[in-house]
Amino acid sequence: MIIFGTKGYLYQLAILTLVCGRCGNPSAHTLRKRVNKFTLFFVPLFPFSTKYLTQCTFCGAEQQLTKEQADQLQAQAASGAGGPGGPGGQAYGQSPQQPYQRP
């Protein structure tokens, strides 16, 4: 008898401040990488699916990204630019990020 299946792994790559495309709030977004691996006898052998996504910590909305977009966001987080709302950046097709102002 051969036992095979899949197992999912979730990696948190960065935390960014972006304007949410759903709720419109400037909030923290987690940049995550979801990898599904094929397993044989409960041993993960190779990945067959990799997806990148951001999740708004305010409303919970998820936005799927391409690998290039995820790499760009991760580089901006590492450089301390504060997310794609910096000079010339945009939050995945949205208008440029506005600084948060208290009412």
N, C-alpha and C. Protein backbone atom coordinates (compact mmCIF):
# COMPACT_ATOMS: atom_id res chain seq x y z
N MET A 1 0.84 -1.17 0.00
CA MET A 1 0.00 0.00 0.00
C MET A 1 0.89 1.25 0.00
N ILE A 2 0.60 2.16 -0.90
CA ILE A 2 1.34 3.42 -1.00
C ILE A 2 0.47 4.54 -0.44
N ILE A 3 1.04 5.29 0.49
CA ILE A 3 0.32 6.40 1.09
C ILE A 3 0.88 7.70 0.54
N PHE A 4 0.01 8.50 -0.14
CA PHE A 4 0.46 9.77 -0.70
C PHE A 4 -0.60 10.83 -0.43
N GLY A 5 -0.20 12.07 -0.59
CA GLY A 5 -1.13 13.17 -0.37
C GLY A 5 -0.44 14.51 -0.54
N THR A 6 -0.99 15.53 0.10
CA THR A 6 -0.42 16.88 0.03
C THR A 6 -0.37 17.49 1.42
N LYS A 7 0.49 18.48 1.56
CA LYS A 7 0.58 19.23 2.80
C LYS A 7 0.85 20.68 2.45
N GLY A 8 0.16 21.59 3.13
CA GLY A 8 0.32 23.01 2.86
C GLY A 8 1.20 23.67 3.90
N TYR A 9 2.01 24.61 3.46
CA TYR A 9 2.89 25.40 4.32
C TYR A 9 2.60 26.87 4.08
N LEU A 10 2.61 27.66 5.16
CA LEU A 10 2.34 29.09 5.06
C LEU A 10 3.51 29.83 5.68
N TYR A 11 4.17 30.68 4.88
CA TYR A 11 5.33 31.44 5.33
C TYR A 11 4.96 32.92 5.34
N GLN A 12 5.26 33.61 6.44
CA GLN A 12 5.04 35.05 6.50
C GLN A 12 6.33 35.73 6.07
N LEU A 13 6.27 36.52 4.99
CA LEU A 13 7.46 37.14 4.42
C LEU A 13 7.71 38.54 4.96
N ALA A 14 6.64 39.32 5.16
CA ALA A 14 6.81 40.70 5.62
C ALA A 14 5.48 41.25 6.12
N ILE A 15 5.55 42.36 6.84
CA ILE A 15 4.37 43.11 7.24
C ILE A 15 4.53 44.52 6.69
N LEU A 16 3.54 44.95 5.91
CA LEU A 16 3.60 46.25 5.22
C LEU A 16 2.40 47.10 5.60
N THR A 17 2.55 48.40 5.51
CA THR A 17 1.43 49.31 5.69
C THR A 17 0.94 49.73 4.31
N LEU A 18 -0.27 49.31 3.97
CA LEU A 18 -0.87 49.60 2.67
C LEU A 18 -2.29 50.09 2.86
N VAL A 19 -2.83 50.70 1.82
CA VAL A 19 -4.24 51.06 1.80
C VAL A 19 -4.99 49.86 1.24
N CYS A 20 -5.93 49.36 2.01
CA CYS A 20 -6.69 48.17 1.62
C CYS A 20 -7.59 48.50 0.43
N GLY A 21 -7.61 47.60 -0.55
CA GLY A 21 -8.46 47.79 -1.72
C GLY A 21 -9.92 47.55 -1.43
N ARG A 22 -10.25 46.86 -0.34
CA ARG A 22 -11.63 46.55 0.00
C ARG A 22 -12.22 47.57 0.97
N CYS A 23 -11.55 47.78 2.12
CA CYS A 23 -12.12 48.66 3.14
C CYS A 23 -11.59 50.09 3.04
N GLY A 24 -10.48 50.31 2.31
CA GLY A 24 -9.95 51.66 2.12
C GLY A 24 -9.17 52.20 3.31
N ASN A 25 -8.92 51.38 4.32
CA ASN A 25 -8.18 51.83 5.50
C ASN A 25 -6.69 51.62 5.31
N PRO A 26 -5.87 52.57 5.73
CA PRO A 26 -4.42 52.34 5.74
C PRO A 26 -4.09 51.47 6.95
N SER A 27 -3.77 50.22 6.72
CA SER A 27 -3.54 49.29 7.81
C SER A 27 -2.39 48.35 7.46
N ALA A 28 -1.97 47.57 8.44
CA ALA A 28 -0.92 46.59 8.23
C ALA A 28 -1.45 45.44 7.37
N HIS A 29 -0.63 45.00 6.46
CA HIS A 29 -0.94 43.85 5.61
C HIS A 29 0.19 42.85 5.76
N THR A 30 -0.15 41.59 5.90
CA THR A 30 0.87 40.55 5.96
C THR A 30 1.09 40.00 4.56
N LEU A 31 2.35 39.91 4.17
CA LEU A 31 2.72 39.31 2.89
C LEU A 31 3.08 37.86 3.17
N ARG A 32 2.34 36.95 2.55
CA ARG A 32 2.51 35.52 2.83
C ARG A 32 2.76 34.73 1.56
N LYS A 33 3.43 33.60 1.75
CA LYS A 33 3.70 32.65 0.68
C LYS A 33 3.08 31.33 1.08
N ARG A 34 2.19 30.80 0.25
CA ARG A 34 1.52 29.53 0.51
C ARG A 34 2.07 28.48 -0.46
N VAL A 35 2.66 27.41 0.10
CA VAL A 35 3.29 26.36 -0.70
C VAL A 35 2.59 25.03 -0.39
N ASN A 36 2.15 24.34 -1.43
CA ASN A 36 1.58 23.00 -1.29
C ASN A 36 2.61 22.00 -1.82
N LYS A 37 2.89 20.97 -1.00
CA LYS A 37 3.89 19.97 -1.37
C LYS A 37 3.25 18.59 -1.47
N PHE A 38 3.74 17.81 -2.42
CA PHE A 38 3.34 16.42 -2.58
C PHE A 38 4.06 15.60 -1.52
N THR A 39 3.33 14.71 -0.85
CA THR A 39 3.94 13.87 0.19
C THR A 39 3.80 12.40 -0.18
N LEU A 40 4.81 11.64 0.19
CA LEU A 40 4.81 10.19 0.02
C LEU A 40 5.20 9.59 1.35
N PHE A 41 4.32 8.79 1.93
CA PHE A 41 4.51 8.24 3.27
C PHE A 41 4.77 9.36 4.29
N PHE A 42 4.00 10.43 4.17
CA PHE A 42 4.03 11.59 5.07
C PHE A 42 5.34 12.39 5.01
N VAL A 43 6.16 12.17 3.98
CA VAL A 43 7.40 12.91 3.79
C VAL A 43 7.18 13.89 2.63
N PRO A 44 7.29 15.22 2.88
CA PRO A 44 7.12 16.17 1.78
C PRO A 44 8.27 16.04 0.78
N LEU A 45 7.90 15.88 -0.51
CA LEU A 45 8.93 15.64 -1.53
C LEU A 45 9.22 16.87 -2.39
N PHE A 46 8.19 17.43 -3.01
CA PHE A 46 8.42 18.58 -3.89
C PHE A 46 7.19 19.48 -3.90
N PRO A 47 7.42 20.80 -4.10
CA PRO A 47 6.28 21.71 -4.17
C PRO A 47 5.61 21.62 -5.55
N PHE A 48 4.29 21.66 -5.56
CA PHE A 48 3.58 21.67 -6.84
C PHE A 48 2.73 22.93 -7.01
N SER A 49 2.61 23.73 -5.96
CA SER A 49 1.83 24.97 -6.05
C SER A 49 2.41 25.99 -5.09
N THR A 50 2.67 27.20 -5.60
CA THR A 50 3.15 28.30 -4.78
C THR A 50 2.32 29.53 -5.10
N LYS A 51 1.75 30.18 -4.07
CA LYS A 51 0.94 31.37 -4.26
C LYS A 51 1.41 32.44 -3.27
N TYR A 52 1.34 33.68 -3.70
CA TYR A 52 1.69 34.81 -2.85
C TYR A 52 0.43 35.62 -2.62
N LEU A 53 0.24 36.12 -1.39
CA LEU A 53 -0.94 36.92 -1.11
C LEU A 53 -0.66 37.89 0.03
N THR A 54 -1.47 38.94 0.07
CA THR A 54 -1.46 39.87 1.19
C THR A 54 -2.81 39.77 1.88
N GLN A 55 -2.80 40.00 3.18
CA GLN A 55 -4.05 39.97 3.95
C GLN A 55 -4.11 41.22 4.81
N CYS A 56 -5.22 41.94 4.71
CA CYS A 56 -5.46 43.14 5.51
C CYS A 56 -5.75 42.71 6.95
N THR A 57 -5.07 43.34 7.90
CA THR A 57 -5.30 43.01 9.29
C THR A 57 -6.53 43.72 9.84
N PHE A 58 -7.09 44.67 9.09
CA PHE A 58 -8.27 45.39 9.55
C PHE A 58 -9.55 44.65 9.19
N CYS A 59 -9.70 44.29 7.91
CA CYS A 59 -10.95 43.63 7.47
C CYS A 59 -10.76 42.17 7.10
N GLY A 60 -9.52 41.69 6.96
CA GLY A 60 -9.26 40.30 6.64
C GLY A 60 -9.28 39.96 5.16
N ALA A 61 -9.41 40.96 4.30
CA ALA A 61 -9.46 40.72 2.85
C ALA A 61 -8.10 40.22 2.35
N GLU A 62 -8.13 39.25 1.44
CA GLU A 62 -6.91 38.72 0.86
C GLU A 62 -6.81 39.12 -0.59
N GLN A 63 -5.59 39.43 -1.03
CA GLN A 63 -5.32 39.82 -2.40
C GLN A 63 -4.20 38.93 -2.91
N GLN A 64 -4.43 38.18 -4.00
CA GLN A 64 -3.39 37.32 -4.56
C GLN A 64 -2.46 38.16 -5.42
N LEU A 65 -1.16 37.86 -5.35
CA LEU A 65 -0.13 38.60 -6.07
C LEU A 65 0.68 37.65 -6.94
N THR A 66 1.39 38.24 -7.91
CA THR A 66 2.35 37.46 -8.68
C THR A 66 3.65 37.41 -7.90
N LYS A 67 4.56 36.54 -8.31
CA LYS A 67 5.84 36.42 -7.64
C LYS A 67 6.62 37.73 -7.74
N GLU A 68 6.55 38.39 -8.89
CA GLU A 68 7.28 39.64 -9.08
C GLU A 68 6.75 40.73 -8.14
N GLN A 69 5.43 40.83 -8.00
CA GLN A 69 4.85 41.81 -7.10
C GLN A 69 5.25 41.52 -5.65
N ALA A 70 5.24 40.25 -5.27
CA ALA A 70 5.62 39.87 -3.91
C ALA A 70 7.09 40.19 -3.65
N ASP A 71 7.95 39.93 -4.63
CA ASP A 71 9.37 40.24 -4.47
C ASP A 71 9.59 41.74 -4.33
N GLN A 72 8.84 42.52 -5.09
CA GLN A 72 8.95 43.98 -5.01
C GLN A 72 8.49 44.49 -3.65
N LEU A 73 7.38 43.99 -3.15
CA LEU A 73 6.89 44.39 -1.83
C LEU A 73 7.84 43.97 -0.72
N GLN A 74 8.43 42.78 -0.86
CA GLN A 74 9.36 42.31 0.15
C GLN A 74 10.64 43.16 0.15
N ALA A 75 11.09 43.57 -1.03
CA ALA A 75 12.27 44.42 -1.11
C ALA A 75 11.99 45.79 -0.50
N GLN A 76 10.79 46.32 -0.72
CA GLN A 76 10.42 47.60 -0.14
C GLN A 76 10.33 47.52 1.38
N ALA A 77 9.85 46.39 1.89
CA ALA A 77 9.76 46.21 3.34
C ALA A 77 11.15 46.11 3.94
N ALA A 78 12.07 45.45 3.24
CA ALA A 78 13.43 45.28 3.73
C ALA A 78 14.20 46.60 3.70
N SER A 79 13.89 47.45 2.72
CA SER A 79 14.59 48.73 2.62
C SER A 79 14.02 49.78 3.57
N GLY A 80 12.89 49.48 4.19
CA GLY A 80 12.29 50.41 5.13
C GLY A 80 11.51 51.52 4.46
N ALA A 81 11.08 51.30 3.22
CA ALA A 81 10.33 52.32 2.48
C ALA A 81 8.91 52.46 3.01
N GLY A 82 8.46 51.52 3.83
CA GLY A 82 7.13 51.62 4.41
C GLY A 82 6.03 51.13 3.51
N GLY A 83 6.35 50.42 2.47
CA GLY A 83 5.32 49.88 1.59
C GLY A 83 5.28 50.59 0.27
N PRO A 84 4.41 50.17 -0.62
CA PRO A 84 4.34 50.74 -1.95
C PRO A 84 3.74 52.13 -2.00
N GLY A 85 3.38 52.70 -0.89
CA GLY A 85 2.86 54.06 -0.89
C GLY A 85 3.96 55.10 -0.91
N GLY A 86 5.20 54.64 -0.95
CA GLY A 86 6.34 55.55 -0.98
C GLY A 86 6.43 56.25 -2.32
N PRO A 87 7.58 56.85 -2.64
CA PRO A 87 7.72 57.59 -3.90
C PRO A 87 7.46 56.73 -5.12
N GLY A 88 6.44 57.05 -5.86
CA GLY A 88 6.14 56.39 -7.12
C GLY A 88 5.48 55.02 -6.99
N GLY A 89 5.24 54.51 -5.80
CA GLY A 89 4.68 53.17 -5.64
C GLY A 89 3.17 53.20 -5.55
N GLN A 90 2.57 52.05 -5.79
CA GLN A 90 1.12 51.93 -5.66
C GLN A 90 0.79 50.61 -5.03
N ALA A 91 -0.31 50.56 -4.31
CA ALA A 91 -0.76 49.34 -3.66
C ALA A 91 -1.61 48.52 -4.63
N TYR A 92 -1.01 47.55 -5.27
CA TYR A 92 -1.61 46.65 -6.25
C TYR A 92 -2.76 47.27 -7.04
N GLY A 93 -2.40 48.23 -7.87
CA GLY A 93 -3.37 48.80 -8.78
C GLY A 93 -4.25 49.88 -8.19
N GLN A 94 -4.07 50.22 -6.94
CA GLN A 94 -4.90 51.25 -6.31
C GLN A 94 -4.22 52.60 -6.44
N SER A 95 -4.91 53.63 -6.02
CA SER A 95 -4.33 54.97 -6.05
C SER A 95 -3.20 55.04 -5.03
N PRO A 96 -2.27 55.99 -5.19
CA PRO A 96 -1.15 56.08 -4.26
C PRO A 96 -1.63 56.25 -2.82
N GLN A 97 -0.85 55.69 -1.91
CA GLN A 97 -1.21 55.70 -0.50
C GLN A 97 -1.10 57.11 0.06
N GLN A 98 -2.11 57.50 0.81
CA GLN A 98 -2.11 58.78 1.47
C GLN A 98 -1.66 58.59 2.91
N PRO A 99 -0.92 59.56 3.46
CA PRO A 99 -0.53 59.42 4.86
C PRO A 99 -1.75 59.44 5.77
N TYR A 100 -1.69 58.70 6.85
CA TYR A 100 -2.80 58.62 7.77
C TYR A 100 -2.91 59.92 8.56
N GLN A 101 -4.11 60.48 8.60
CA GLN A 101 -4.35 61.71 9.34
C GLN A 101 -5.51 61.47 10.29
N ARG A 102 -5.33 61.89 11.51
CA ARG A 102 -6.41 61.75 12.48
C ARG A 102 -7.46 62.81 12.24
N PRO A 103 -8.73 62.45 12.42
CA PRO A 103 -9.82 63.42 12.19
C PRO A 103 -9.86 64.50 13.26
